[in-house]
Amino acid sequence: MLGEVLEFDEAVGYGTVRATDGSEHFFHCTAILDGSRSIDVGADVEFDVVPGRRGRWEAASVRVVDVDISG
């Protein structure tokens, strides 16, 4: 899926992405593929959606992309 990072709290290590279809998904810093454990709010990203630990879908394999998804 394509989307944008809505929020990311580096101190606690998690954030939210919004997909182009409007769905929002929690992600943990360990889901960021470049290994940095940090990502900029507003970054355009590609990600997978997988079953999470708390009974909700989560973003996984989050990676920054070089395309403007805003249209």
PDB file of N, CA and C in Angstrom:
ATOM      1  N   MET A   1       0.842  -1.175   0.000  1.00  0.00           N
ATOM      2  CA  MET A   1       0.000   0.000   0.000  1.00  0.00           C
ATOM      3  C   MET A   1       0.887   1.237   0.000  1.00  0.00           C
ATOM      4  N   LEU A   2       0.338   2.322  -0.515  1.00  0.00           N
ATOM      5  CA  LEU A   2       1.009   3.618  -0.443  1.00  0.00           C
ATOM      6  C   LEU A   2       0.302   4.471   0.595  1.00  0.00           C
ATOM      7  N   GLY A   3       1.062   5.353   1.244  1.00  0.00           N
ATOM      8  CA  GLY A   3       0.470   6.221   2.244  1.00  0.00           C
ATOM      9  C   GLY A   3       1.446   7.276   2.712  1.00  0.00           C
ATOM     10  N   GLU A   4       1.093   7.885   3.844  1.00  0.00           N
ATOM     11  CA  GLU A   4       1.887   8.971   4.412  1.00  0.00           C
ATOM     12  C   GLU A   4       1.982   8.768   5.923  1.00  0.00           C
ATOM     13  N   VAL A   5       3.131   9.110   6.490  1.00  0.00           N
ATOM     14  CA  VAL A   5       3.302   9.033   7.933  1.00  0.00           C
ATOM     15  C   VAL A   5       2.538  10.199   8.562  1.00  0.00           C
ATOM     16  N   LEU A   6       1.522   9.880   9.361  1.00  0.00           N
ATOM     17  CA  LEU A   6       0.725  10.910  10.028  1.00  0.00           C
ATOM     18  C   LEU A   6       1.384  11.404  11.292  1.00  0.00           C
ATOM     19  N   GLU A   7       1.933  10.467  12.047  1.00  0.00           N
ATOM     20  CA  GLU A   7       2.579  10.821  13.308  1.00  0.00           C
ATOM     21  C   GLU A   7       3.626   9.768  13.629  1.00  0.00           C
ATOM     22  N   PHE A   8       4.654  10.206  14.339  1.00  0.00           N
ATOM     23  CA  PHE A   8       5.674   9.273  14.802  1.00  0.00           C
ATOM     24  C   PHE A   8       6.311   9.855  16.048  1.00  0.00           C
ATOM     25  N   ASP A   9       6.307   9.100  17.120  1.00  0.00           N
ATOM     26  CA  ASP A   9       6.907   9.507  18.383  1.00  0.00           C
ATOM     27  C   ASP A   9       8.187   8.700  18.582  1.00  0.00           C
ATOM     28  N   GLU A  10       9.299   9.344  18.343  1.00  0.00           N
ATOM     29  CA  GLU A  10      10.585   8.649  18.425  1.00  0.00           C
ATOM     30  C   GLU A  10      10.881   8.155  19.835  1.00  0.00           C
ATOM     31  N   ALA A  11      10.410   8.867  20.845  1.00  0.00           N
ATOM     32  CA  ALA A  11      10.679   8.489  22.228  1.00  0.00           C
ATOM     33  C   ALA A  11      10.046   7.148  22.595  1.00  0.00           C
ATOM     34  N   VAL A  12       8.857   6.870  22.065  1.00  0.00           N
ATOM     35  CA  VAL A  12       8.189   5.601  22.367  1.00  0.00           C
ATOM     36  C   VAL A  12       8.305   4.597  21.229  1.00  0.00           C
ATOM     37  N   GLY A  13       8.685   5.071  20.046  1.00  0.00           N
ATOM     38  CA  GLY A  13       8.978   4.170  18.941  1.00  0.00           C
ATOM     39  C   GLY A  13       7.795   3.696  18.125  1.00  0.00           C
ATOM     40  N   TYR A  14       6.723   4.465  18.096  1.00  0.00           N
ATOM     41  CA  TYR A  14       5.612   4.058  17.239  1.00  0.00           C
ATOM     42  C   TYR A  14       4.910   5.257  16.618  1.00  0.00           C
ATOM     43  N   GLY A  15       4.099   4.964  15.611  1.00  0.00           N
ATOM     44  CA  GLY A  15       3.398   6.019  14.898  1.00  0.00           C
ATOM     45  C   GLY A  15       2.226   5.469  14.118  1.00  0.00           C
ATOM     46  N   THR A  16       1.717   6.299  13.217  1.00  0.00           N
ATOM     47  CA  THR A  16       0.555   5.961  12.411  1.00  0.00           C
ATOM     48  C   THR A  16       0.806   6.371  10.970  1.00  0.00           C
ATOM     49  N   VAL A  17       0.389   5.521  10.038  1.00  0.00           N
ATOM     50  CA  VAL A  17       0.402   5.869   8.625  1.00  0.00           C
ATOM     51  C   VAL A  17      -1.040   5.898   8.119  1.00  0.00           C
ATOM     52  N   ARG A  18      -1.302   6.769   7.138  1.00  0.00           N
ATOM     53  CA  ARG A  18      -2.601   6.795   6.481  1.00  0.00           C
ATOM     54  C   ARG A  18      -2.407   6.358   5.040  1.00  0.00           C
ATOM     55  N   ALA A  19      -3.116   5.307   4.649  1.00  0.00           N
ATOM     56  CA  ALA A  19      -3.047   4.795   3.283  1.00  0.00           C
ATOM     57  C   ALA A  19      -3.828   5.704   2.349  1.00  0.00           C
ATOM     58  N   THR A  20      -3.563   5.579   1.056  1.00  0.00           N
ATOM     59  CA  THR A  20      -4.269   6.400   0.069  1.00  0.00           C
ATOM     60  C   THR A  20      -5.768   6.116   0.055  1.00  0.00           C
ATOM     61  N   ASP A  21      -6.192   4.960   0.575  1.00  0.00           N
ATOM     62  CA  ASP A  21      -7.627   4.661   0.658  1.00  0.00           C
ATOM     63  C   ASP A  21      -8.271   5.249   1.911  1.00  0.00           C
ATOM     64  N   GLY A  22      -7.483   5.963   2.737  1.00  0.00           N
ATOM     65  CA  GLY A  22      -7.992   6.614   3.938  1.00  0.00           C
ATOM     66  C   GLY A  22      -7.854   5.806   5.212  1.00  0.00           C
ATOM     67  N   SER A  23      -7.505   4.540   5.103  1.00  0.00           N
ATOM     68  CA  SER A  23      -7.347   3.719   6.306  1.00  0.00           C
ATOM     69  C   SER A  23      -6.070   4.128   7.048  1.00  0.00           C
ATOM     70  N   GLU A  24      -6.117   4.025   8.374  1.00  0.00           N
ATOM     71  CA  GLU A  24      -4.965   4.375   9.201  1.00  0.00           C
ATOM     72  C   GLU A  24      -4.473   3.139   9.933  1.00  0.00           C
ATOM     73  N   HIS A  25      -3.137   3.027  10.023  1.00  0.00           N
ATOM     74  CA  HIS A  25      -2.538   1.845  10.620  1.00  0.00           C
ATOM     75  C   HIS A  25      -1.393   2.223  11.553  1.00  0.00           C
ATOM     76  N   PHE A  26      -1.417   1.645  12.740  1.00  0.00           N
ATOM     77  CA  PHE A  26      -0.339   1.763  13.708  1.00  0.00           C
ATOM     78  C   PHE A  26       0.908   1.076  13.145  1.00  0.00           C
ATOM     79  N   PHE A  27       2.093   1.562  13.511  1.00  0.00           N
ATOM     80  CA  PHE A  27       3.330   0.818  13.229  1.00  0.00           C
ATOM     81  C   PHE A  27       4.339   1.067  14.327  1.00  0.00           C
ATOM     82  N   HIS A  28       5.193   0.094  14.537  1.00  0.00           N
ATOM     83  CA  HIS A  28       6.287   0.186  15.502  1.00  0.00           C
ATOM     84  C   HIS A  28       7.568   0.490  14.738  1.00  0.00           C
ATOM     85  N   CYS A  29       8.517   1.126  15.402  1.00  0.00           N
ATOM     86  CA  CYS A  29       9.759   1.521  14.732  1.00  0.00           C
ATOM     87  C   CYS A  29      10.507   0.336  14.127  1.00  0.00           C
ATOM     88  N   THR A  30      10.319  -0.855  14.656  1.00  0.00           N
ATOM     89  CA  THR A  30      10.987  -2.024  14.091  1.00  0.00           C
ATOM     90  C   THR A  30      10.419  -2.403  12.721  1.00  0.00           C
ATOM     91  N   ALA A  31       9.287  -1.803  12.329  1.00  0.00           N
ATOM     92  CA  ALA A  31       8.686  -2.059  11.011  1.00  0.00           C
ATOM     93  C   ALA A  31       9.319  -1.203   9.920  1.00  0.00           C
ATOM     94  N   ILE A  32      10.188  -0.252  10.292  1.00  0.00           N
ATOM     95  CA  ILE A  32      10.845   0.622   9.316  1.00  0.00           C
ATOM     96  C   ILE A  32      12.013  -0.158   8.702  1.00  0.00           C
ATOM     97  N   LEU A  33      11.960  -0.351   7.394  1.00  0.00           N
ATOM     98  CA  LEU A  33      12.910  -1.260   6.743  1.00  0.00           C
ATOM     99  C   LEU A  33      14.355  -0.781   6.688  1.00  0.00           C
ATOM    100  N   ASP A  34      14.591   0.526   6.713  1.00  0.00           N
ATOM    101  CA  ASP A  34      15.984   0.977   6.556  1.00  0.00           C
ATOM    102  C   ASP A  34      16.827   0.780   7.818  1.00  0.00           C
ATOM    103  N   GLY A  35      16.199   0.291   8.900  1.00  0.00           N
ATOM    104  CA  GLY A  35      16.937   0.013  10.114  1.00  0.00           C
ATOM    105  C   GLY A  35      17.185   1.214  11.003  1.00  0.00           C
ATOM    106  N   SER A  36      16.706   2.392  10.615  1.00  0.00           N
ATOM    107  CA  SER A  36      16.992   3.611  11.368  1.00  0.00           C
ATOM    108  C   SER A  36      16.161   3.747  12.640  1.00  0.00           C
ATOM    109  N   ARG A  37      14.999   3.106  12.677  1.00  0.00           N
ATOM    110  CA  ARG A  37      14.057   3.204  13.791  1.00  0.00           C
ATOM    111  C   ARG A  37      13.511   4.605  13.970  1.00  0.00           C
ATOM    112  N   SER A  38      13.575   5.421  12.912  1.00  0.00           N
ATOM    113  CA  SER A  38      13.012   6.765  12.914  1.00  0.00           C
ATOM    114  C   SER A  38      12.543   7.097  11.503  1.00  0.00           C
ATOM    115  N   ILE A  39      11.473   7.912  11.414  1.00  0.00           N
ATOM    116  CA  ILE A  39      10.935   8.290  10.115  1.00  0.00           C
ATOM    117  C   ILE A  39      10.279   9.658  10.252  1.00  0.00           C
ATOM    118  N   ASP A  40      10.345  10.462   9.225  1.00  0.00           N
ATOM    119  CA  ASP A  40       9.784  11.810   9.272  1.00  0.00           C
ATOM    120  C   ASP A  40       8.275  11.803   9.095  1.00  0.00           C
ATOM    121  N   VAL A  41       7.590  12.605   9.914  1.00  0.00           N
ATOM    122  CA  VAL A  41       6.164  12.828   9.718  1.00  0.00           C
ATOM    123  C   VAL A  41       5.979  13.501   8.365  1.00  0.00           C
ATOM    124  N   GLY A  42       5.010  13.047   7.603  1.00  0.00           N
ATOM    125  CA  GLY A  42       4.757  13.588   6.271  1.00  0.00           C
ATOM    126  C   GLY A  42       5.448  12.830   5.162  1.00  0.00           C
ATOM    127  N   ALA A  43       6.316  11.880   5.515  1.00  0.00           N
ATOM    128  CA  ALA A  43       7.025  11.100   4.497  1.00  0.00           C
ATOM    129  C   ALA A  43       6.038  10.215   3.738  1.00  0.00           C
ATOM    130  N   ASP A  44       6.191  10.161   2.420  1.00  0.00           N
ATOM    131  CA  ASP A  44       5.418   9.233   1.601  1.00  0.00           C
ATOM    132  C   ASP A  44       6.058   7.863   1.742  1.00  0.00           C
ATOM    133  N   VAL A  45       5.230   6.856   2.007  1.00  0.00           N
ATOM    134  CA  VAL A  45       5.744   5.522   2.279  1.00  0.00           C
ATOM    135  C   VAL A  45       4.960   4.451   1.537  1.00  0.00           C
ATOM    136  N   GLU A  46       5.595   3.319   1.413  1.00  0.00           N
ATOM    137  CA  GLU A  46       4.961   2.100   0.945  1.00  0.00           C
ATOM    138  C   GLU A  46       5.038   1.128   2.120  1.00  0.00           C
ATOM    139  N   PHE A  47       3.995   0.325   2.313  1.00  0.00           N
ATOM    140  CA  PHE A  47       3.984  -0.588   3.448  1.00  0.00           C
ATOM    141  C   PHE A  47       3.027  -1.742   3.193  1.00  0.00           C
ATOM    142  N   ASP A  48       3.191  -2.772   3.992  1.00  0.00           N
ATOM    143  CA  ASP A  48       2.283  -3.914   3.983  1.00  0.00           C
ATOM    144  C   ASP A  48       1.381  -3.793   5.199  1.00  0.00           C
ATOM    145  N   VAL A  49       0.227  -4.425   5.142  1.00  0.00           N
ATOM    146  CA  VAL A  49      -0.679  -4.462   6.288  1.00  0.00           C
ATOM    147  C   VAL A  49      -0.776  -5.913   6.748  1.00  0.00           C
ATOM    148  N   VAL A  50      -0.521  -6.113   8.038  1.00  0.00           N
ATOM    149  CA  VAL A  50      -0.490  -7.463   8.608  1.00  0.00           C
ATOM    150  C   VAL A  50      -1.286  -7.485   9.918  1.00  0.00           C
ATOM    151  N   PRO A  51      -1.724  -8.675  10.340  1.00  0.00           N
ATOM    152  CA  PRO A  51      -2.394  -8.768  11.649  1.00  0.00           C
ATOM    153  C   PRO A  51      -1.423  -8.367  12.756  1.00  0.00           C
ATOM    154  N   GLY A  52      -1.890  -7.537  13.670  1.00  0.00           N
ATOM    155  CA  GLY A  52      -1.039  -7.070  14.761  1.00  0.00           C
ATOM    156  C   GLY A  52      -1.275  -7.809  16.053  1.00  0.00           C
ATOM    157  N   ARG A  53      -0.539  -7.425  17.064  1.00  0.00           N
ATOM    158  CA  ARG A  53      -0.601  -8.097  18.361  1.00  0.00           C
ATOM    159  C   ARG A  53      -1.858  -7.782  19.152  1.00  0.00           C
ATOM    160  N   ARG A  54      -2.468  -6.660  18.910  1.00  0.00           N
ATOM    161  CA  ARG A  54      -3.616  -6.236  19.717  1.00  0.00           C
ATOM    162  C   ARG A  54      -4.940  -6.416  18.984  1.00  0.00           C
ATOM    163  N   GLY A  55      -4.988  -7.364  18.068  1.00  0.00           N
ATOM    164  CA  GLY A  55      -6.223  -7.638  17.365  1.00  0.00           C
ATOM    165  C   GLY A  55      -6.604  -6.614  16.320  1.00  0.00           C
ATOM    166  N   ARG A  56      -5.637  -5.823  15.855  1.00  0.00           N
ATOM    167  CA  ARG A  56      -5.883  -4.841  14.807  1.00  0.00           C
ATOM    168  C   ARG A  56      -4.825  -4.999  13.719  1.00  0.00           C
ATOM    169  N   TRP A  57      -5.142  -4.488  12.563  1.00  0.00           N
ATOM    170  CA  TRP A  57      -4.183  -4.525  11.454  1.00  0.00           C
ATOM    171  C   TRP A  57      -3.119  -3.466  11.691  1.00  0.00           C
ATOM    172  N   GLU A  58      -1.870  -3.793  11.343  1.00  0.00           N
ATOM    173  CA  GLU A  58      -0.743  -2.880  11.523  1.00  0.00           C
ATOM    174  C   GLU A  58       0.054  -2.771  10.239  1.00  0.00           C
ATOM    175  N   ALA A  59       0.762  -1.645  10.111  1.00  0.00           N
ATOM    176  CA  ALA A  59       1.680  -1.462   8.988  1.00  0.00           C
ATOM    177  C   ALA A  59       2.974  -2.207   9.290  1.00  0.00           C
ATOM    178  N   ALA A  60       3.520  -2.843   8.273  1.00  0.00           N
ATOM    179  CA  ALA A  60       4.797  -3.555   8.384  1.00  0.00           C
ATOM    180  C   ALA A  60       5.615  -3.242   7.140  1.00  0.00           C
ATOM    181  N   SER A  61       6.899  -3.482   7.196  1.00  0.00           N
ATOM    182  CA  SER A  61       7.797  -3.239   6.054  1.00  0.00           C
ATOM    183  C   SER A  61       7.621  -1.819   5.517  1.00  0.00           C
ATOM    184  N   VAL A  62       7.651  -0.850   6.427  1.00  0.00           N
ATOM    185  CA  VAL A  62       7.454   0.560   6.074  1.00  0.00           C
ATOM    186  C   VAL A  62       8.720   1.093   5.429  1.00  0.00           C
ATOM    187  N   ARG A  63       8.587   1.644   4.234  1.00  0.00           N
ATOM    188  CA  ARG A  63       9.743   2.187   3.518  1.00  0.00           C
ATOM    189  C   ARG A  63       9.367   3.486   2.821  1.00  0.00           C
ATOM    190  N   VAL A  64      10.255   4.454   2.894  1.00  0.00           N
ATOM    191  CA  VAL A  64      10.052   5.754   2.242  1.00  0.00           C
ATOM    192  C   VAL A  64      10.147   5.581   0.746  1.00  0.00           C
ATOM    193  N   VAL A  65       9.255   6.243   0.012  1.00  0.00           N
ATOM    194  CA  VAL A  65       9.275   6.208  -1.449  1.00  0.00           C
ATOM    195  C   VAL A  65       9.478   7.612  -1.992  1.00  0.00           C
ATOM    196  N   ASP A  66       9.975   7.688  -3.208  1.00  0.00           N
ATOM    197  CA  ASP A  66      10.280   8.973  -3.827  1.00  0.00           C
ATOM    198  C   ASP A  66       9.172   9.452  -4.759  1.00  0.00           C
ATOM    199  N   VAL A  67       7.922   9.153  -4.421  1.00  0.00           N
ATOM    200  CA  VAL A  67       6.798   9.627  -5.223  1.00  0.00           C
ATOM    201  C   VAL A  67       5.891  10.464  -4.361  1.00  0.00           C
ATOM    202  N   ASP A  68       5.222  11.440  -4.972  1.00  0.00           N
ATOM    203  CA  ASP A  68       4.266  12.266  -4.267  1.00  0.00           C
ATOM    204  C   ASP A  68       2.903  11.616  -4.371  1.00  0.00           C
ATOM    205  N   ILE A  69       2.401  11.077  -3.260  1.00  0.00           N
ATOM    206  CA  ILE A  69       1.139  10.349  -3.304  1.00  0.00           C
ATOM    207  C   ILE A  69      -0.071  11.275  -3.187  1.00  0.00           C
ATOM    208  N   SER A  70       0.146  12.574  -2.991  1.00  0.00           N
ATOM    209  CA  SER A  70      -0.967  13.494  -2.779  1.00  0.00           C
ATOM    210  C   SER A  70      -1.756  13.774  -4.035  1.00  0.00           C
ATOM    211  N   GLY A  71      -1.250  13.344  -5.170  1.00  0.00           N
ATOM    212  CA  GLY A  71      -2.038  13.448  -6.375  1.00  0.00           C
ATOM    213  C   GLY A  71      -1.526  14.410  -7.348  1.00  0.00           C
TER     214      GLY A  71
END
